[in-house]
Amino acid sequence: MDKTADILLDEGKLLPVMEEFYTLQGEGYNTGQAAYFIRIGGCDVGCSWCDIKESWDARLYPPVDTNGVIARAIEFPGKAVVITGGEPLNYNLNYLSQGLRQHHVKIYIETSGSRPLSGDPDWICLSPKKSSPPLDEICIKADELKVIIQDESDLGWAEENKERVTPGCLLYLQPEWSRRNTILPRIISYIMEHPQWRVSLQSHKYMRIP
């Protein structure tokens, strides 16, 4: 990119958007809600079980005009936008968020918490990863802690992060999709023993929607 594009990217007026689509939120507290998803390319966390590995390399997604993204998002009747990735906090989300707020759109962000917060979202879903633990500033602002459970050790990781969020943060355990049939019974028994947790399922996959 040239220097002008670099500046616009730093300001959040350009973003490497991988895809945009209108659907229902499939996971966590806001499951079932209509929302416009903005998936931003680029991730330096790189979970082995990630089901959208094609989002990792931001170079595959030339930056687009953020104003156009905003214009498309506000066309739909559901006035909620989910900003996801990749890792969306690798980028400045202030300009995107300010533009959406002018149209009274609720802003939800899904993040590993490994980068400083931008965008002043209405709802923060923190999904921490062991390879890049979340920052304290994200933990104390998280509305929802959603920990992906692949094996027994991830339950310990979930408890570690529970101690870092505020008492009002909602707590979710979500089975890693490829091991859902194996690990879900363990998650169910764990939540029955530790009822402060709830289960999150990737319901959009069961419904076969984006």
C-alpha atoms as a PDB file:
ATOM      1  CA  MET A   1       0.000   0.000   0.000  1.00  0.00           C
ATOM      2  CA  ASP A   2       1.047   3.615  -0.500  1.00  0.00           C
ATOM      3  CA  LYS A   3       1.522   6.053   2.380  1.00  0.00           C
ATOM      4  CA  THR A   4      -1.973   7.482   2.030  1.00  0.00           C
ATOM      5  CA  ALA A   5      -3.528   4.017   2.301  1.00  0.00           C
ATOM      6  CA  ASP A   6      -1.345   3.270   5.320  1.00  0.00           C
ATOM      7  CA  ILE A   7      -2.604   6.406   7.034  1.00  0.00           C
ATOM      8  CA  LEU A   8      -6.233   5.579   6.245  1.00  0.00           C
ATOM      9  CA  LEU A   9      -5.724   2.050   7.594  1.00  0.00           C
ATOM     10  CA  ASP A  10      -4.214   3.429  10.792  1.00  0.00           C
ATOM     11  CA  GLU A  11      -7.204   5.749  11.143  1.00  0.00           C
ATOM     12  CA  GLY A  12      -9.636   2.898  10.544  1.00  0.00           C
ATOM     13  CA  LYS A  13     -11.016   4.524   7.393  1.00  0.00           C
ATOM     14  CA  LEU A  14      -9.848   1.464   5.489  1.00  0.00           C
ATOM     15  CA  LEU A  15     -10.180  -2.074   6.850  1.00  0.00           C
ATOM     16  CA  PRO A  16      -9.145  -5.484   5.419  1.00  0.00           C
ATOM     17  CA  VAL A  17     -12.660  -6.909   5.457  1.00  0.00           C
ATOM     18  CA  MET A  18     -12.809 -10.605   4.610  1.00  0.00           C
ATOM     19  CA  GLU A  19     -16.585 -10.887   4.397  1.00  0.00           C
ATOM     20  CA  GLU A  20     -19.858  -9.252   5.411  1.00  0.00           C
ATOM     21  CA  PHE A  21     -23.215 -10.966   5.810  1.00  0.00           C
ATOM     22  CA  TYR A  22     -26.577 -10.657   7.555  1.00  0.00           C
ATOM     23  CA  THR A  23     -27.585 -13.648   9.662  1.00  0.00           C
ATOM     24  CA  LEU A  24     -28.434 -14.738  13.209  1.00  0.00           C
ATOM     25  CA  GLN A  25     -25.861 -14.700  15.967  1.00  0.00           C
ATOM     26  CA  GLY A  26     -25.102 -18.335  16.675  1.00  0.00           C
ATOM     27  CA  GLU A  27     -23.106 -18.302  19.908  1.00  0.00           C
ATOM     28  CA  GLY A  28     -23.118 -17.003  23.461  1.00  0.00           C
ATOM     29  CA  TYR A  29     -25.502 -14.585  25.138  1.00  0.00           C
ATOM     30  CA  ASN A  30     -26.840 -13.004  21.931  1.00  0.00           C
ATOM     31  CA  THR A  31     -27.697 -16.323  20.246  1.00  0.00           C
ATOM     32  CA  GLY A  32     -30.654 -16.010  17.913  1.00  0.00           C
ATOM     33  CA  GLN A  33     -30.410 -12.260  17.404  1.00  0.00           C
ATOM     34  CA  ALA A  34     -30.373 -10.893  13.860  1.00  0.00           C
ATOM     35  CA  ALA A  35     -27.078  -9.138  13.173  1.00  0.00           C
ATOM     36  CA  TYR A  36     -24.816  -7.939  10.392  1.00  0.00           C
ATOM     37  CA  PHE A  37     -21.420  -9.627  10.641  1.00  0.00           C
ATOM     38  CA  ILE A  38     -18.244  -7.839   9.623  1.00  0.00           C
ATOM     39  CA  ARG A  39     -15.316 -10.251   9.539  1.00  0.00           C
ATOM     40  CA  ILE A  40     -11.947  -8.515   9.426  1.00  0.00           C
ATOM     41  CA  GLY A  41      -8.966 -10.397   8.034  1.00  0.00           C
ATOM     42  CA  GLY A  42      -5.748 -10.866   9.956  1.00  0.00           C
ATOM     43  CA  CYS A  43      -4.993 -12.896  13.069  1.00  0.00           C
ATOM     44  CA  ASP A  44      -1.735 -13.479  14.916  1.00  0.00           C
ATOM     45  CA  VAL A  45      -3.200 -15.866  17.506  1.00  0.00           C
ATOM     46  CA  GLY A  46      -3.702 -18.856  15.204  1.00  0.00           C
ATOM     47  CA  CYS A  47      -5.696 -21.470  17.117  1.00  0.00           C
ATOM     48  CA  SER A  48      -5.195 -24.995  15.779  1.00  0.00           C
ATOM     49  CA  TRP A  49      -8.949 -25.648  15.833  1.00  0.00           C
ATOM     50  CA  CYS A  50      -9.960 -22.374  14.167  1.00  0.00           C
ATOM     51  CA  ASP A  51     -12.656 -23.056  11.565  1.00  0.00           C
ATOM     52  CA  ILE A  52     -11.872 -19.890   9.608  1.00  0.00           C
ATOM     53  CA  LYS A  53      -8.119 -20.218   9.105  1.00  0.00           C
ATOM     54  CA  GLU A  54      -8.477 -18.395   5.793  1.00  0.00           C
ATOM     55  CA  SER A  55      -9.034 -15.235   7.843  1.00  0.00           C
ATOM     56  CA  TRP A  56      -5.521 -15.283   9.300  1.00  0.00           C
ATOM     57  CA  ASP A  57      -3.595 -13.644   6.448  1.00  0.00           C
ATOM     58  CA  ALA A  58      -4.703 -10.036   6.126  1.00  0.00           C
ATOM     59  CA  ARG A  59      -2.730  -9.697   2.894  1.00  0.00           C
ATOM     60  CA  LEU A  60      -5.439 -11.744   1.175  1.00  0.00           C
ATOM     61  CA  TYR A  61      -7.989  -9.007   1.844  1.00  0.00           C
ATOM     62  CA  PRO A  62      -7.142  -5.608   0.331  1.00  0.00           C
ATOM     63  CA  PRO A  63      -8.432  -2.814   2.608  1.00  0.00           C
ATOM     64  CA  VAL A  64     -11.837  -1.432   1.652  1.00  0.00           C
ATOM     65  CA  ASP A  65     -13.533   1.878   2.377  1.00  0.00           C
ATOM     66  CA  THR A  66     -15.028   1.737   5.870  1.00  0.00           C
ATOM     67  CA  ASN A  67     -17.789   4.137   4.813  1.00  0.00           C
ATOM     68  CA  GLY A  68     -18.999   1.517   2.353  1.00  0.00           C
ATOM     69  CA  VAL A  69     -19.026  -1.118   5.085  1.00  0.00           C
ATOM     70  CA  ILE A  70     -21.142   1.158   7.274  1.00  0.00           C
ATOM     71  CA  ALA A  71     -23.542   1.902   4.408  1.00  0.00           C
ATOM     72  CA  ARG A  72     -24.111  -1.795   3.762  1.00  0.00           C
ATOM     73  CA  ALA A  73     -24.562  -2.643   7.443  1.00  0.00           C
ATOM     74  CA  ILE A  74     -27.327  -0.104   8.016  1.00  0.00           C
ATOM     75  CA  GLU A  75     -29.416  -1.382   5.082  1.00  0.00           C
ATOM     76  CA  PHE A  76     -30.709  -4.334   7.135  1.00  0.00           C
ATOM     77  CA  PRO A  77     -33.575  -4.295   9.663  1.00  0.00           C
ATOM     78  CA  GLY A  78     -31.530  -5.879  12.456  1.00  0.00           C
ATOM     79  CA  LYS A  79     -29.759  -2.969  14.117  1.00  0.00           C
ATOM     80  CA  ALA A  80     -26.846  -4.939  15.563  1.00  0.00           C
ATOM     81  CA  VAL A  81     -23.392  -5.434  14.100  1.00  0.00           C
ATOM     82  CA  VAL A  82     -20.939  -8.134  15.157  1.00  0.00           C
ATOM     83  CA  ILE A  83     -17.311  -7.249  14.471  1.00  0.00           C
ATOM     84  CA  THR A  84     -15.243 -10.410  14.356  1.00  0.00           C
ATOM     85  CA  GLY A  85     -12.221 -11.912  12.647  1.00  0.00           C
ATOM     86  CA  GLY A  86      -9.516 -12.937  12.506  1.00  0.00           C
ATOM     87  CA  GLU A  87      -8.647 -10.709  15.415  1.00  0.00           C
ATOM     88  CA  PRO A  88     -10.512  -7.438  14.871  1.00  0.00           C
ATOM     89  CA  LEU A  89      -8.589  -5.522  17.516  1.00  0.00           C
ATOM     90  CA  ASN A  90      -5.502  -5.686  15.323  1.00  0.00           C
ATOM     91  CA  TYR A  91      -7.107  -2.621  13.725  1.00  0.00           C
ATOM     92  CA  ASN A  92      -8.468   0.744  14.777  1.00  0.00           C
ATOM     93  CA  LEU A  93     -12.234   0.292  15.046  1.00  0.00           C
ATOM     94  CA  ASN A  94     -13.067   3.818  16.218  1.00  0.00           C
ATOM     95  CA  TYR A  95     -14.106   5.158  12.823  1.00  0.00           C
ATOM     96  CA  LEU A  96     -16.275   2.124  12.056  1.00  0.00           C
ATOM     97  CA  SER A  97     -17.964   2.295  15.437  1.00  0.00           C
ATOM     98  CA  GLN A  98     -18.597   6.036  15.268  1.00  0.00           C
ATOM     99  CA  GLY A  99     -20.224   5.637  11.867  1.00  0.00           C
ATOM    100  CA  LEU A 100     -22.473   2.817  13.050  1.00  0.00           C
ATOM    101  CA  ARG A 101     -23.513   4.714  16.166  1.00  0.00           C
ATOM    102  CA  GLN A 102     -24.753   7.606  14.043  1.00  0.00           C
ATOM    103  CA  HIS A 103     -27.374   5.151  12.780  1.00  0.00           C
ATOM    104  CA  HIS A 104     -28.265   3.800  16.254  1.00  0.00           C
ATOM    105  CA  VAL A 105     -26.696   0.415  15.618  1.00  0.00           C
ATOM    106  CA  LYS A 106     -25.608  -1.760  18.547  1.00  0.00           C
ATOM    107  CA  ILE A 107     -21.966  -2.841  18.260  1.00  0.00           C
ATOM    108  CA  TYR A 108     -20.797  -6.247  19.448  1.00  0.00           C
ATOM    109  CA  ILE A 109     -17.183  -7.358  19.211  1.00  0.00           C
ATOM    110  CA  GLU A 110     -15.730 -10.859  19.438  1.00  0.00           C
ATOM    111  CA  THR A 111     -12.076 -10.857  20.431  1.00  0.00           C
ATOM    112  CA  SER A 112      -9.298 -12.876  22.017  1.00  0.00           C
ATOM    113  CA  GLY A 113      -8.490  -9.763  24.028  1.00  0.00           C
ATOM    114  CA  SER A 114      -4.836  -9.860  23.019  1.00  0.00           C
ATOM    115  CA  ARG A 115      -4.804  -6.273  21.690  1.00  0.00           C
ATOM    116  CA  PRO A 116      -5.924  -2.934  23.170  1.00  0.00           C
ATOM    117  CA  LEU A 117      -9.581  -2.075  22.824  1.00  0.00           C
ATOM    118  CA  SER A 118     -10.861   0.366  20.222  1.00  0.00           C
ATOM    119  CA  GLY A 119     -14.356   1.165  19.035  1.00  0.00           C
ATOM    120  CA  ASP A 120     -16.194   1.493  22.387  1.00  0.00           C
ATOM    121  CA  PRO A 121     -18.522  -1.493  21.709  1.00  0.00           C
ATOM    122  CA  ASP A 122     -21.833  -2.064  23.466  1.00  0.00           C
ATOM    123  CA  TRP A 123     -20.943  -5.711  24.101  1.00  0.00           C
ATOM    124  CA  ILE A 124     -17.570  -7.427  24.370  1.00  0.00           C
ATOM    125  CA  CYS A 125     -17.367 -11.182  23.952  1.00  0.00           C
ATOM    126  CA  LEU A 126     -13.954 -12.244  25.212  1.00  0.00           C
ATOM    127  CA  SER A 127     -12.754 -15.607  23.933  1.00  0.00           C
ATOM    128  CA  PRO A 128      -9.246 -15.961  25.412  1.00  0.00           C
ATOM    129  CA  LYS A 129      -6.536 -18.065  23.810  1.00  0.00           C
ATOM    130  CA  LYS A 130      -3.620 -19.671  25.644  1.00  0.00           C
ATOM    131  CA  SER A 131      -1.057 -18.655  23.014  1.00  0.00           C
ATOM    132  CA  SER A 132      -1.905 -14.934  23.436  1.00  0.00           C
ATOM    133  CA  PRO A 133      -3.565 -14.342  26.819  1.00  0.00           C
ATOM    134  CA  PRO A 134      -5.972 -11.409  27.089  1.00  0.00           C
ATOM    135  CA  LEU A 135      -4.985  -7.993  28.369  1.00  0.00           C
ATOM    136  CA  ASP A 136      -6.280  -6.875  31.755  1.00  0.00           C
ATOM    137  CA  GLU A 137      -8.021  -3.888  30.159  1.00  0.00           C
ATOM    138  CA  ILE A 138     -10.160  -6.246  28.063  1.00  0.00           C
ATOM    139  CA  CYS A 139     -10.874  -8.654  30.915  1.00  0.00           C
ATOM    140  CA  ILE A 140     -12.320  -5.954  33.161  1.00  0.00           C
ATOM    141  CA  LYS A 141     -14.561  -4.641  30.364  1.00  0.00           C
ATOM    142  CA  ALA A 142     -15.788  -7.995  29.032  1.00  0.00           C
ATOM    143  CA  ASP A 143     -19.536  -8.579  29.140  1.00  0.00           C
ATOM    144  CA  GLU A 144     -19.187 -12.230  28.221  1.00  0.00           C
ATOM    145  CA  LEU A 145     -16.372 -14.756  28.684  1.00  0.00           C
ATOM    146  CA  LYS A 146     -16.645 -17.570  26.140  1.00  0.00           C
ATOM    147  CA  VAL A 147     -14.004 -20.266  26.473  1.00  0.00           C
ATOM    148  CA  ILE A 148     -13.616 -22.907  23.773  1.00  0.00           C
ATOM    149  CA  ILE A 149     -13.252 -26.369  25.312  1.00  0.00           C
ATOM    150  CA  GLN A 150     -11.272 -28.911  23.334  1.00  0.00           C
ATOM    151  CA  ASP A 151     -10.042 -31.098  26.186  1.00  0.00           C
ATOM    152  CA  GLU A 152     -10.012 -31.315  29.987  1.00  0.00           C
ATOM    153  CA  SER A 153      -7.135 -28.841  30.382  1.00  0.00           C
ATOM    154  CA  ASP A 154      -9.258 -26.092  28.839  1.00  0.00           C
ATOM    155  CA  LEU A 155     -11.560 -26.190  31.851  1.00  0.00           C
ATOM    156  CA  GLY A 156      -8.643 -25.059  33.985  1.00  0.00           C
ATOM    157  CA  TRP A 157      -7.927 -22.285  31.483  1.00  0.00           C
ATOM    158  CA  ALA A 158     -11.563 -21.229  31.748  1.00  0.00           C
ATOM    159  CA  GLU A 159     -11.318 -20.972  35.518  1.00  0.00           C
ATOM    160  CA  GLU A 160      -8.115 -18.924  35.255  1.00  0.00           C
ATOM    161  CA  ASN A 161      -9.878 -16.388  33.082  1.00  0.00           C
ATOM    162  CA  LYS A 162     -12.990 -16.366  35.261  1.00  0.00           C
ATOM    163  CA  GLU A 163     -10.820 -14.885  37.991  1.00  0.00           C
ATOM    164  CA  ARG A 164      -9.769 -12.047  35.671  1.00  0.00           C
ATOM    165  CA  VAL A 165     -13.211 -10.809  34.583  1.00  0.00           C
ATOM    166  CA  THR A 166     -15.678  -8.851  36.681  1.00  0.00           C
ATOM    167  CA  PRO A 167     -18.387 -10.558  38.780  1.00  0.00           C
ATOM    168  CA  GLY A 168     -21.068  -9.402  36.351  1.00  0.00           C
ATOM    169  CA  CYS A 169     -19.442 -10.991  33.305  1.00  0.00           C
ATOM    170  CA  LEU A 170     -21.449 -13.892  31.858  1.00  0.00           C
ATOM    171  CA  LEU A 171     -19.527 -17.170  31.700  1.00  0.00           C
ATOM    172  CA  TYR A 172     -19.789 -19.649  28.815  1.00  0.00           C
ATOM    173  CA  LEU A 173     -18.135 -22.932  27.937  1.00  0.00           C
ATOM    174  CA  GLN A 174     -18.345 -23.837  24.256  1.00  0.00           C
ATOM    175  CA  PRO A 175     -17.350 -27.211  22.809  1.00  0.00           C
ATOM    176  CA  GLU A 176     -14.800 -27.111  20.009  1.00  0.00           C
ATOM    177  CA  TRP A 177     -16.903 -28.105  17.006  1.00  0.00           C
ATOM    178  CA  SER A 178     -14.887 -31.075  15.742  1.00  0.00           C
ATOM    179  CA  ARG A 179     -14.902 -32.647  19.237  1.00  0.00           C
ATOM    180  CA  ARG A 180     -18.405 -31.619  20.279  1.00  0.00           C
ATOM    181  CA  ASN A 181     -19.748 -35.161  20.604  1.00  0.00           C
ATOM    182  CA  THR A 182     -16.809 -36.182  22.790  1.00  0.00           C
ATOM    183  CA  ILE A 183     -16.405 -33.117  24.977  1.00  0.00           C
ATOM    184  CA  LEU A 184     -20.006 -31.916  25.393  1.00  0.00           C
ATOM    185  CA  PRO A 185     -20.939 -34.543  28.025  1.00  0.00           C
ATOM    186  CA  ARG A 186     -17.965 -33.390  30.103  1.00  0.00           C
ATOM    187  CA  ILE A 187     -18.995 -29.744  29.718  1.00  0.00           C
ATOM    188  CA  ILE A 188     -22.531 -30.575  30.823  1.00  0.00           C
ATOM    189  CA  SER A 189     -21.344 -32.378  33.946  1.00  0.00           C
ATOM    190  CA  TYR A 190     -18.866 -29.595  34.712  1.00  0.00           C
ATOM    191  CA  ILE A 191     -21.549 -26.912  34.531  1.00  0.00           C
ATOM    192  CA  MET A 192     -23.823 -28.946  36.770  1.00  0.00           C
ATOM    193  CA  GLU A 193     -20.981 -28.976  39.299  1.00  0.00           C
ATOM    194  CA  HIS A 194     -20.060 -25.315  38.658  1.00  0.00           C
ATOM    195  CA  PRO A 195     -23.397 -23.606  37.896  1.00  0.00           C
ATOM    196  CA  GLN A 196     -21.904 -20.148  37.458  1.00  0.00           C
ATOM    197  CA  TRP A 197     -21.058 -21.332  33.936  1.00  0.00           C
ATOM    198  CA  ARG A 198     -23.462 -21.762  31.024  1.00  0.00           C
ATOM    199  CA  VAL A 199     -23.096 -23.749  27.822  1.00  0.00           C
ATOM    200  CA  SER A 200     -22.725 -22.063  24.432  1.00  0.00           C
ATOM    201  CA  LEU A 201     -23.323 -24.051  21.254  1.00  0.00           C
ATOM    202  CA  GLN A 202     -22.517 -23.024  17.691  1.00  0.00           C
ATOM    203  CA  SER A 203     -26.193 -23.034  16.839  1.00  0.00           C
ATOM    204  CA  HIS A 204     -25.641 -21.466  13.432  1.00  0.00           C
ATOM    205  CA  LYS A 205     -23.896 -24.665  12.367  1.00  0.00           C
ATOM    206  CA  TYR A 206     -26.834 -26.758  13.478  1.00  0.00           C
ATOM    207  CA  MET A 207     -29.142 -24.380  11.590  1.00  0.00           C
ATOM    208  CA  ARG A 208     -26.809 -24.421   8.591  1.00  0.00           C
ATOM    209  CA  ILE A 209     -26.646 -20.670   8.280  1.00  0.00           C
ATOM    210  CA  PRO A 210     -23.524 -18.444   8.003  1.00  0.00           C
END
